[in-house]
Protein backbone atom coordinates (compact mmCIF):
# COMPACT_ATOMS: atom_id res chain seq x y z
CA UNK A 1 118.38 115.98 108.39
CA UNK A 2 116.34 113.93 105.59
CA UNK A 3 114.35 114.57 102.34
CA UNK A 4 111.12 113.39 102.20
CA UNK A 5 109.62 111.91 99.42
CA UNK A 6 107.82 114.71 96.85
CA UNK A 7 104.35 115.52 97.60
CA UNK A 8 101.62 116.15 94.87
CA UNK A 9 99.66 120.03 96.44
CA UNK A 10 96.29 118.72 95.52
CA UNK A 11 96.60 115.98 97.72
CA UNK A 12 95.92 117.27 101.27
CA UNK A 13 92.43 117.29 100.72
CA UNK A 14 92.59 113.30 100.73
CA UNK A 15 95.88 112.43 102.07
CA UNK A 16 95.08 115.09 104.68
CA UNK A 17 96.89 113.03 107.61
CA UNK A 18 99.64 112.55 105.97
CA UNK A 19 101.53 115.24 105.32
CA UNK A 20 103.76 116.53 107.34
CA UNK A 21 102.84 118.34 110.27
CA UNK A 22 106.52 119.79 111.99
CA UNK A 23 108.81 122.30 111.01
CA UNK A 24 110.97 122.25 108.30
CA UNK A 25 111.95 123.71 105.08
CA UNK A 26 109.98 123.55 101.45
CA UNK A 27 111.05 123.15 97.94
CA UNK A 28 107.94 123.63 95.38
CA UNK A 29 108.54 122.73 92.44
CA UNK A 30 107.23 122.19 88.98
CA UNK A 31 106.70 119.89 86.14
CA UNK A 32 109.06 120.67 83.82
CA UNK A 33 112.33 122.12 83.77
CA UNK A 34 112.09 126.34 83.62
CA UNK A 35 115.40 127.66 81.97
CA UNK A 36 117.41 130.09 83.78
CA UNK A 37 117.39 133.22 83.27
CA UNK A 38 121.54 133.40 83.09
CA UNK A 39 121.70 130.60 81.61
CA UNK A 40 123.38 128.13 84.23
CA UNK A 41 120.77 124.88 84.12
CA UNK A 42 117.23 124.29 84.03
CA UNK A 43 115.32 123.86 87.93
CA UNK A 44 111.68 122.57 88.75
CA UNK A 45 112.52 124.53 91.53
CA UNK A 46 109.36 127.09 91.69
CA UNK A 47 109.56 128.08 95.83
CA UNK A 48 112.24 127.93 98.84
CA UNK A 49 110.36 128.41 102.10
CA UNK A 50 110.38 127.57 106.40
CA UNK A 51 106.98 126.84 108.09
CA UNK A 52 106.46 126.38 111.64
CA UNK A 53 103.73 123.42 109.77
CA UNK A 54 104.23 122.51 106.76
CA UNK A 55 101.41 120.95 106.05
CA UNK A 56 99.17 124.55 106.70
CA UNK A 57 101.73 126.74 104.97
CA UNK A 58 101.36 124.33 101.89
CA UNK A 59 97.67 124.31 102.28
CA UNK A 60 98.20 128.29 101.46
CA UNK A 61 100.46 127.15 99.01
CA UNK A 62 97.54 125.49 97.38
CA UNK A 63 94.22 127.96 98.29
CA UNK A 64 96.71 130.99 96.60
CA UNK A 65 97.60 132.24 100.17
CA UNK A 66 100.95 132.25 100.46
CA UNK A 67 103.40 134.44 98.95
CA UNK A 68 104.81 132.89 96.31
CA UNK A 69 101.88 131.23 94.42
CA UNK A 70 99.54 133.96 95.20
CA UNK A 71 101.02 135.05 91.75
CA UNK A 72 100.17 132.26 90.48
CA UNK A 73 96.31 133.31 91.29
CA UNK A 74 96.85 136.85 90.35
CA UNK A 75 98.68 136.65 87.11
CA UNK A 76 97.54 134.13 84.61
CA UNK A 77 100.56 134.56 82.40
CA UNK A 78 102.90 133.97 85.25
CA UNK A 79 101.48 130.84 85.82
CA UNK A 80 100.93 129.65 82.15
CA UNK A 81 105.26 130.04 81.62
CA UNK A 82 105.77 128.71 85.78
CA UNK A 83 103.76 125.81 85.38
CA UNK A 84 103.71 125.27 81.04
CA UNK A 85 99.74 125.02 82.00
CA UNK A 86 96.90 127.23 79.79
CA UNK A 87 95.08 129.01 83.02
CA UNK A 88 92.04 130.76 81.44
CA UNK A 89 90.52 131.40 84.79
CA UNK A 90 90.63 130.46 89.04
CA UNK A 91 89.40 127.20 88.40
CA UNK A 92 92.18 126.25 85.62
CA UNK A 93 95.21 127.91 88.12
CA UNK A 94 94.57 125.72 91.20
CA UNK A 95 94.31 122.70 89.48
CA UNK A 96 97.65 124.62 87.82
CA UNK A 97 99.15 124.95 91.60
CA UNK A 98 97.39 121.47 92.17
CA UNK A 99 99.63 119.85 89.68
CA UNK A 100 103.18 121.52 91.50
CA UNK A 101 104.94 118.82 94.30
CA UNK A 102 106.38 120.05 97.05
CA UNK A 103 110.06 117.62 98.54
CA UNK A 104 110.35 118.94 102.28
CA UNK A 105 112.72 118.10 105.63
CA UNK A 106 112.03 117.94 108.58
CA UNK A 107 112.41 118.08 111.61
CA UNK A 108 113.89 121.29 111.98
CA UNK A 109 113.69 122.79 115.43
CA UNK A 110 112.05 126.33 115.53
CA UNK A 111 114.52 128.23 115.69
CA UNK A 112 117.54 126.74 113.14
CA UNK A 113 114.17 126.95 110.24
CA UNK A 114 115.95 129.82 108.87
CA UNK A 115 119.76 129.04 108.57
CA UNK A 116 118.65 126.24 106.67
CA UNK A 117 116.25 127.25 104.37
CA UNK A 118 118.60 130.68 104.32
CA UNK A 119 121.34 127.49 103.10
CA UNK A 120 118.90 126.39 100.43
CA UNK A 121 118.32 130.02 99.00
CA UNK A 122 122.34 129.22 99.37
CA UNK A 123 122.89 126.83 96.99
CA UNK A 124 120.39 127.76 94.71
CA UNK A 125 121.97 130.58 93.83
CA UNK A 126 125.05 129.18 93.76
CA UNK A 127 124.36 126.92 91.10
CA UNK A 128 121.47 128.93 89.06
CA UNK A 129 123.07 132.79 89.17
CA UNK A 130 120.00 133.25 90.86
CA UNK A 131 116.81 133.46 92.93
CA UNK A 132 113.83 131.15 92.81
CA UNK A 133 111.40 132.45 89.79
CA UNK A 134 108.68 132.88 93.15
CA UNK A 135 111.23 133.78 96.22
CA UNK A 136 110.92 137.35 95.14
CA UNK A 137 112.71 138.35 97.57
CA UNK A 138 115.90 138.07 100.47
CA UNK A 139 116.00 140.42 103.41
CA UNK A 140 118.39 140.71 105.40
CA UNK A 141 119.58 136.67 104.48
CA UNK A 142 122.53 137.76 103.06
CA UNK A 143 123.80 140.14 105.51
CA UNK A 144 123.85 137.32 108.33
CA UNK A 145 126.85 134.48 108.70
CA UNK A 146 127.85 132.40 105.84
CA UNK A 147 126.12 128.85 105.50
CA UNK A 148 128.63 126.20 106.64
CA UNK A 149 130.45 123.66 103.54
CA UNK A 150 128.45 120.74 105.19
CA UNK A 151 124.58 122.53 105.38
CA UNK A 152 125.51 124.41 101.76
CA UNK A 153 125.57 120.29 100.74
CA UNK A 154 122.70 119.10 102.15
CA UNK A 155 120.81 121.98 100.94
CA UNK A 156 121.94 121.29 97.40
CA UNK A 157 120.42 117.70 97.41
CA UNK A 158 117.58 119.20 98.17
CA UNK A 159 117.05 121.85 95.00
CA UNK A 160 118.42 119.03 93.14
CA UNK A 161 115.28 117.58 90.64
CA UNK A 162 115.05 115.92 88.14
CA UNK A 163 114.99 119.18 85.26
C-alpha cells in the first residue's frame, strides 16, 4: 500500500476527477506543525480517518459536514489555533479549511479499512502520546488486536510530515 501525494482541500472543485474515489485511509494536515500537549514533538496531522470513497469524505471535510472539521466551522477559536489563520466568519473558516491538505493511501479493501486506520492512530499515539487534535474519540479501537509491526511502520510513513 503506498501513500499518494498531498491534495489541498480547496482543489476539490477544479480537480474533482483527479481526486481518488476508491476506499482508503487519509490524514488531514495543517500548514504548520502544532506542539503536542504532552511535549512529544510537532506534527501537522489534524485528523486520521477512513472512507469507502475518499473524494466524497474529503468533500464533506471541506464543507464542515465531517465530524473532525465540523469543529473548525463551529468554533472559530479552535479553527484559528489549529489552522493558524484568523477566522472572523464562516467564509474565512472555509478558506482556512480549504488550505488544509490530505494525504491518502488507496485502494484498501473495505474490510481492511478499520485495521489500517487503527494502525495510523497507533503510530500517531506512539509518536506523540495523544490522538490528533480533531480525532475526539477512538471507541473500542484499543480493544482489538494491536497492528503488526509492518503495518505500524507503514502507518508511521503516513503520519510523517515536515512540521
